[in-house]
Amino acid sequence: VQLQACGGGLVQTGGSLRLACTASGRTFNKYGWFRQVPGKEREFVSAINWTGGRTYYSDFARGRFTISRGNAENTVYLQMNNLKPEDTAVYSCAAATWVGGYTETRGYDYWGQGTQVTVSS
């Protein structure tokens, strides 16, 4: 089982990025995005239930970020708009076969490598 995240990069304040997470090896019922900066705990960004499509957002992501299912099986996107310097972090995707615990790191069994997002002021 592998989760592959990509799409990070360097953008200016107000810019946009789209992150993608592709799973291989099995299907999952939920996907989540988390981010982390050095010295701080990993924090929840957004999540989606694969079957029903219900979405979840942190307060800082709501209204600026959009999580969605891709046309390709087991691919999830995170569209990030109006990025701010405080969004700078390593973003990681996670997945699990069971539902619930969408906003918690312990709610996920599989984690992909992170992708760096840097927003310059």
N, C-alpha and C. Protein backbone atom coordinates (compact mmCIF):
# COMPACT_ATOMS: atom_id res chain seq x y z
N VAL A 1 0.84 -1.18 0.00
CA VAL A 1 0.00 0.00 0.00
C VAL A 1 0.88 1.25 0.00
N GLN A 2 0.58 2.17 -0.89
CA GLN A 2 1.33 3.41 -0.96
C GLN A 2 0.39 4.59 -1.17
N LEU A 3 0.76 5.70 -0.55
CA LEU A 3 0.10 6.96 -0.79
C LEU A 3 1.14 7.92 -1.33
N GLN A 4 0.85 8.50 -2.46
CA GLN A 4 1.79 9.39 -3.11
C GLN A 4 1.18 10.78 -3.18
N ALA A 5 1.84 11.73 -2.54
CA ALA A 5 1.37 13.11 -2.55
C ALA A 5 2.30 13.95 -3.41
N CYS A 6 1.71 14.88 -4.14
CA CYS A 6 2.51 15.77 -4.97
C CYS A 6 1.76 17.07 -5.17
N GLY A 7 2.44 18.03 -5.76
CA GLY A 7 1.80 19.30 -6.07
C GLY A 7 2.26 20.48 -5.27
N GLY A 8 3.12 20.26 -4.29
CA GLY A 8 3.61 21.37 -3.50
C GLY A 8 4.54 22.25 -4.30
N GLY A 9 4.92 23.37 -3.72
CA GLY A 9 5.82 24.28 -4.40
C GLY A 9 5.89 25.61 -3.69
N LEU A 10 6.46 26.57 -4.40
CA LEU A 10 6.62 27.92 -3.87
C LEU A 10 5.68 28.86 -4.60
N VAL A 11 4.85 29.57 -3.84
CA VAL A 11 3.93 30.53 -4.43
C VAL A 11 3.96 31.82 -3.61
N GLN A 12 3.47 32.89 -4.20
CA GLN A 12 3.36 34.15 -3.49
C GLN A 12 2.04 34.21 -2.73
N THR A 13 1.98 35.08 -1.79
CA THR A 13 0.73 35.30 -1.05
C THR A 13 -0.42 35.58 -2.01
N GLY A 14 -1.51 34.90 -1.79
CA GLY A 14 -2.67 35.04 -2.66
C GLY A 14 -2.71 34.03 -3.79
N GLY A 15 -1.64 33.29 -3.96
CA GLY A 15 -1.57 32.30 -5.03
C GLY A 15 -2.31 31.02 -4.71
N SER A 16 -2.25 30.09 -5.64
CA SER A 16 -2.96 28.81 -5.50
C SER A 16 -2.05 27.64 -5.82
N LEU A 17 -2.38 26.53 -5.20
CA LEU A 17 -1.72 25.26 -5.51
C LEU A 17 -2.77 24.17 -5.43
N ARG A 18 -2.55 23.10 -6.19
CA ARG A 18 -3.41 21.93 -6.08
C ARG A 18 -2.55 20.73 -5.73
N LEU A 19 -2.82 20.16 -4.60
CA LEU A 19 -2.13 18.96 -4.16
C LEU A 19 -2.92 17.73 -4.60
N ALA A 20 -2.21 16.67 -4.91
CA ALA A 20 -2.86 15.42 -5.29
C ALA A 20 -2.32 14.28 -4.44
N CYS A 21 -3.20 13.37 -4.11
CA CYS A 21 -2.83 12.20 -3.33
C CYS A 21 -3.39 10.98 -4.05
N THR A 22 -2.50 10.07 -4.42
CA THR A 22 -2.91 8.86 -5.12
C THR A 22 -2.56 7.64 -4.30
N ALA A 23 -3.54 6.78 -4.11
CA ALA A 23 -3.35 5.57 -3.34
C ALA A 23 -3.23 4.38 -4.27
N SER A 24 -2.38 3.46 -3.88
CA SER A 24 -2.26 2.22 -4.64
C SER A 24 -2.19 1.06 -3.67
N GLY A 25 -2.68 -0.06 -4.09
CA GLY A 25 -2.60 -1.25 -3.26
C GLY A 25 -3.91 -1.67 -2.63
N ARG A 26 -4.77 -0.68 -2.41
CA ARG A 26 -6.09 -1.00 -1.88
C ARG A 26 -6.98 0.23 -1.97
N THR A 27 -8.24 0.04 -1.72
CA THR A 27 -9.16 1.17 -1.71
C THR A 27 -9.41 1.60 -0.28
N PHE A 28 -9.75 2.88 -0.10
CA PHE A 28 -9.95 3.45 1.21
C PHE A 28 -11.31 4.14 1.29
N ASN A 29 -11.83 4.23 2.50
CA ASN A 29 -13.10 4.90 2.70
C ASN A 29 -12.94 6.37 3.03
N LYS A 30 -11.77 6.77 3.51
CA LYS A 30 -11.58 8.18 3.79
C LYS A 30 -10.14 8.59 3.53
N TYR A 31 -10.00 9.84 3.14
CA TYR A 31 -8.70 10.46 2.91
C TYR A 31 -8.65 11.76 3.68
N GLY A 32 -7.47 12.07 4.16
CA GLY A 32 -7.30 13.32 4.87
C GLY A 32 -6.00 13.99 4.50
N TRP A 33 -5.98 15.29 4.68
CA TRP A 33 -4.77 16.08 4.52
C TRP A 33 -4.42 16.71 5.86
N PHE A 34 -3.16 16.62 6.19
CA PHE A 34 -2.64 17.23 7.41
C PHE A 34 -1.40 18.03 7.04
N ARG A 35 -1.03 18.95 7.90
CA ARG A 35 0.19 19.71 7.64
C ARG A 35 0.99 19.85 8.92
N GLN A 36 2.26 20.11 8.75
CA GLN A 36 3.15 20.22 9.90
C GLN A 36 4.29 21.16 9.61
N VAL A 37 4.61 21.96 10.59
CA VAL A 37 5.78 22.82 10.51
C VAL A 37 6.75 22.37 11.59
N PRO A 38 8.03 22.61 11.41
CA PRO A 38 9.02 22.16 12.41
C PRO A 38 8.70 22.69 13.80
N GLY A 39 8.76 21.80 14.75
CA GLY A 39 8.54 22.19 16.14
C GLY A 39 7.09 22.20 16.57
N LYS A 40 6.18 21.93 15.65
CA LYS A 40 4.77 21.90 15.99
C LYS A 40 4.16 20.56 15.64
N GLU A 41 3.02 20.29 16.26
CA GLU A 41 2.33 19.05 15.99
C GLU A 41 1.65 19.10 14.62
N ARG A 42 1.46 17.94 14.08
CA ARG A 42 0.73 17.84 12.83
C ARG A 42 -0.70 18.29 13.06
N GLU A 43 -1.24 19.09 12.13
CA GLU A 43 -2.60 19.56 12.30
C GLU A 43 -3.47 19.20 11.10
N PHE A 44 -4.73 19.02 11.41
CA PHE A 44 -5.71 18.63 10.40
C PHE A 44 -6.00 19.78 9.46
N VAL A 45 -6.12 19.45 8.17
CA VAL A 45 -6.47 20.44 7.16
C VAL A 45 -7.86 20.15 6.58
N SER A 46 -8.02 18.95 6.03
CA SER A 46 -9.28 18.62 5.37
C SER A 46 -9.38 17.11 5.19
N ALA A 47 -10.59 16.62 5.02
CA ALA A 47 -10.81 15.20 4.81
C ALA A 47 -12.06 14.97 3.98
N ILE A 48 -12.15 13.79 3.40
CA ILE A 48 -13.30 13.45 2.58
C ILE A 48 -13.64 11.98 2.75
N ASN A 49 -14.93 11.71 2.82
CA ASN A 49 -15.41 10.34 2.78
C ASN A 49 -15.52 9.93 1.32
N TRP A 50 -14.83 8.84 0.96
CA TRP A 50 -14.75 8.50 -0.45
C TRP A 50 -16.10 8.09 -1.02
N THR A 51 -16.88 7.37 -0.26
CA THR A 51 -18.14 6.83 -0.78
C THR A 51 -19.20 7.91 -0.92
N GLY A 52 -19.43 8.63 0.16
CA GLY A 52 -20.50 9.62 0.16
C GLY A 52 -20.08 11.01 -0.26
N GLY A 53 -18.78 11.26 -0.22
CA GLY A 53 -18.29 12.56 -0.62
C GLY A 53 -18.39 13.64 0.43
N ARG A 54 -18.78 13.30 1.64
CA ARG A 54 -18.86 14.33 2.68
C ARG A 54 -17.46 14.86 2.97
N THR A 55 -17.38 16.16 3.16
CA THR A 55 -16.08 16.80 3.36
C THR A 55 -15.99 17.45 4.73
N TYR A 56 -14.78 17.62 5.18
CA TYR A 56 -14.49 18.20 6.49
C TYR A 56 -13.33 19.19 6.32
N TYR A 57 -13.43 20.30 7.03
CA TYR A 57 -12.39 21.32 6.93
C TYR A 57 -12.04 21.88 8.30
N SER A 58 -10.78 22.24 8.44
CA SER A 58 -10.40 23.00 9.61
C SER A 58 -10.87 24.43 9.43
N ASP A 59 -10.87 25.18 10.49
CA ASP A 59 -11.34 26.57 10.41
C ASP A 59 -10.48 27.38 9.44
N PHE A 60 -9.18 27.15 9.46
CA PHE A 60 -8.32 27.96 8.59
C PHE A 60 -8.46 27.57 7.12
N ALA A 61 -8.92 26.36 6.86
CA ALA A 61 -9.03 25.90 5.47
C ALA A 61 -10.39 26.21 4.85
N ARG A 62 -11.40 26.29 5.69
CA ARG A 62 -12.76 26.48 5.16
C ARG A 62 -12.86 27.80 4.42
N GLY A 63 -13.37 27.71 3.21
CA GLY A 63 -13.53 28.90 2.39
C GLY A 63 -12.37 29.17 1.46
N ARG A 64 -11.22 28.57 1.73
CA ARG A 64 -10.05 28.77 0.87
C ARG A 64 -9.59 27.48 0.21
N PHE A 65 -9.76 26.37 0.92
CA PHE A 65 -9.31 25.08 0.40
C PHE A 65 -10.53 24.24 0.03
N THR A 66 -10.35 23.39 -0.99
CA THR A 66 -11.41 22.47 -1.40
C THR A 66 -10.82 21.09 -1.63
N ILE A 67 -11.39 20.11 -0.94
CA ILE A 67 -10.96 18.73 -1.15
C ILE A 67 -11.96 18.05 -2.07
N SER A 68 -11.47 17.20 -2.95
CA SER A 68 -12.37 16.55 -3.91
C SER A 68 -11.81 15.21 -4.33
N ARG A 69 -12.70 14.40 -4.84
CA ARG A 69 -12.31 13.10 -5.39
C ARG A 69 -11.98 13.28 -6.86
N GLY A 70 -10.93 12.63 -7.30
CA GLY A 70 -10.57 12.71 -8.69
C GLY A 70 -11.33 11.70 -9.53
N ASN A 71 -11.29 11.86 -10.83
CA ASN A 71 -11.93 10.89 -11.72
C ASN A 71 -11.21 9.55 -11.67
N ALA A 72 -9.90 9.61 -11.50
CA ALA A 72 -9.13 8.38 -11.36
C ALA A 72 -9.40 7.78 -10.00
N GLU A 73 -9.50 6.51 -9.97
CA GLU A 73 -9.80 5.83 -8.71
C GLU A 73 -8.68 6.09 -7.70
N ASN A 74 -9.09 6.33 -6.49
CA ASN A 74 -8.16 6.49 -5.38
C ASN A 74 -7.26 7.71 -5.51
N THR A 75 -7.77 8.76 -6.11
CA THR A 75 -7.03 10.01 -6.17
C THR A 75 -7.87 11.11 -5.53
N VAL A 76 -7.24 11.85 -4.67
CA VAL A 76 -7.91 12.95 -3.97
C VAL A 76 -7.09 14.21 -4.17
N TYR A 77 -7.78 15.32 -4.35
CA TYR A 77 -7.12 16.60 -4.57
C TYR A 77 -7.41 17.56 -3.42
N LEU A 78 -6.49 18.45 -3.22
CA LEU A 78 -6.69 19.57 -2.29
C LEU A 78 -6.35 20.85 -3.04
N GLN A 79 -7.38 21.57 -3.43
CA GLN A 79 -7.19 22.86 -4.09
C GLN A 79 -7.05 23.93 -3.03
N MET A 80 -5.94 24.64 -3.06
CA MET A 80 -5.67 25.66 -2.05
C MET A 80 -5.58 27.02 -2.73
N ASN A 81 -6.49 27.90 -2.37
CA ASN A 81 -6.54 29.24 -2.95
C ASN A 81 -6.25 30.29 -1.89
N ASN A 82 -5.92 31.47 -2.35
CA ASN A 82 -5.65 32.59 -1.45
C ASN A 82 -4.67 32.19 -0.34
N LEU A 83 -3.58 31.61 -0.75
CA LEU A 83 -2.61 31.10 0.22
C LEU A 83 -1.93 32.23 0.98
N LYS A 84 -1.61 31.95 2.22
CA LYS A 84 -0.99 32.92 3.12
C LYS A 84 0.34 32.36 3.60
N PRO A 85 1.25 33.23 4.03
CA PRO A 85 2.53 32.73 4.54
C PRO A 85 2.38 31.70 5.67
N GLU A 86 1.34 31.86 6.48
CA GLU A 86 1.14 30.91 7.58
C GLU A 86 0.68 29.54 7.10
N ASP A 87 0.39 29.40 5.81
CA ASP A 87 0.07 28.08 5.25
C ASP A 87 1.32 27.29 4.91
N THR A 88 2.47 27.92 5.03
CA THR A 88 3.72 27.23 4.76
C THR A 88 3.89 26.05 5.69
N ALA A 89 4.08 24.87 5.11
CA ALA A 89 4.19 23.64 5.90
C ALA A 89 4.44 22.47 4.96
N VAL A 90 4.72 21.34 5.55
CA VAL A 90 4.75 20.08 4.80
C VAL A 90 3.36 19.47 4.89
N TYR A 91 2.76 19.24 3.75
CA TYR A 91 1.41 18.69 3.68
C TYR A 91 1.49 17.20 3.36
N SER A 92 0.77 16.41 4.16
CA SER A 92 0.77 14.96 3.98
C SER A 92 -0.65 14.46 3.81
N CYS A 93 -0.79 13.43 2.99
CA CYS A 93 -2.10 12.81 2.87
C CYS A 93 -2.12 11.51 3.67
N ALA A 94 -3.30 11.15 4.07
CA ALA A 94 -3.50 9.95 4.87
C ALA A 94 -4.79 9.28 4.45
N ALA A 95 -4.91 7.99 4.76
CA ALA A 95 -6.10 7.25 4.36
C ALA A 95 -6.39 6.14 5.35
N ALA A 96 -7.63 5.70 5.33
CA ALA A 96 -8.04 4.60 6.19
C ALA A 96 -9.24 3.90 5.56
N THR A 97 -9.44 2.66 5.95
CA THR A 97 -10.57 1.90 5.40
C THR A 97 -11.83 2.07 6.23
N TRP A 98 -11.69 2.61 7.43
CA TRP A 98 -12.85 2.75 8.29
C TRP A 98 -13.26 4.21 8.40
N VAL A 99 -14.50 4.46 8.74
CA VAL A 99 -15.01 5.82 8.82
C VAL A 99 -14.93 6.33 10.25
N GLY A 100 -15.04 7.63 10.39
CA GLY A 100 -14.92 8.25 11.70
C GLY A 100 -13.52 8.79 11.90
N GLY A 101 -13.35 9.64 12.90
CA GLY A 101 -12.04 10.18 13.22
C GLY A 101 -11.42 10.97 12.11
N TYR A 102 -12.24 11.69 11.38
CA TYR A 102 -11.75 12.38 10.18
C TYR A 102 -10.72 13.44 10.49
N THR A 103 -10.83 14.09 11.63
CA THR A 103 -9.96 15.23 11.91
C THR A 103 -8.78 14.89 12.79
N GLU A 104 -8.60 13.63 13.11
CA GLU A 104 -7.54 13.23 14.04
C GLU A 104 -6.49 12.38 13.34
N THR A 105 -5.25 12.55 13.72
CA THR A 105 -4.19 11.74 13.10
C THR A 105 -4.39 10.26 13.41
N ARG A 106 -4.94 9.96 14.57
CA ARG A 106 -5.15 8.56 14.93
C ARG A 106 -6.29 7.93 14.14
N GLY A 107 -6.98 8.74 13.34
CA GLY A 107 -8.05 8.22 12.52
C GLY A 107 -7.58 7.63 11.21
N TYR A 108 -6.28 7.59 11.00
CA TYR A 108 -5.74 7.14 9.73
C TYR A 108 -4.67 6.07 9.94
N ASP A 109 -4.68 5.09 9.04
CA ASP A 109 -3.75 3.98 9.15
C ASP A 109 -2.56 4.10 8.20
N TYR A 110 -2.74 4.81 7.14
CA TYR A 110 -1.70 4.91 6.12
C TYR A 110 -1.38 6.37 5.85
N TRP A 111 -0.10 6.63 5.69
CA TRP A 111 0.37 8.00 5.47
C TRP A 111 1.33 8.03 4.29
N GLY A 112 1.20 9.06 3.50
CA GLY A 112 2.14 9.27 2.41
C GLY A 112 3.25 10.20 2.84
N GLN A 113 4.23 10.34 1.98
CA GLN A 113 5.30 11.29 2.27
C GLN A 113 4.75 12.69 2.08
N GLY A 114 5.33 13.65 2.69
CA GLY A 114 4.83 15.01 2.61
C GLY A 114 5.31 15.73 1.37
N THR A 115 4.60 16.79 1.05
CA THR A 115 5.01 17.67 -0.02
C THR A 115 5.08 19.09 0.54
N GLN A 116 6.16 19.78 0.26
CA GLN A 116 6.40 21.08 0.85
C GLN A 116 5.60 22.17 0.14
N VAL A 117 4.92 22.96 0.92
CA VAL A 117 4.23 24.15 0.41
C VAL A 117 4.86 25.36 1.08
N THR A 118 5.34 26.28 0.28
CA THR A 118 5.95 27.49 0.80
C THR A 118 5.27 28.70 0.18
N VAL A 119 4.77 29.58 1.04
CA VAL A 119 4.08 30.78 0.58
C VAL A 119 4.92 31.99 0.99
N SER A 120 5.37 32.72 0.02
CA SER A 120 6.20 33.89 0.30
C SER A 120 5.34 35.14 0.46
N SER A 121 5.82 36.03 1.31
CA SER A 121 5.07 37.26 1.57
C SER A 121 5.49 38.39 0.62
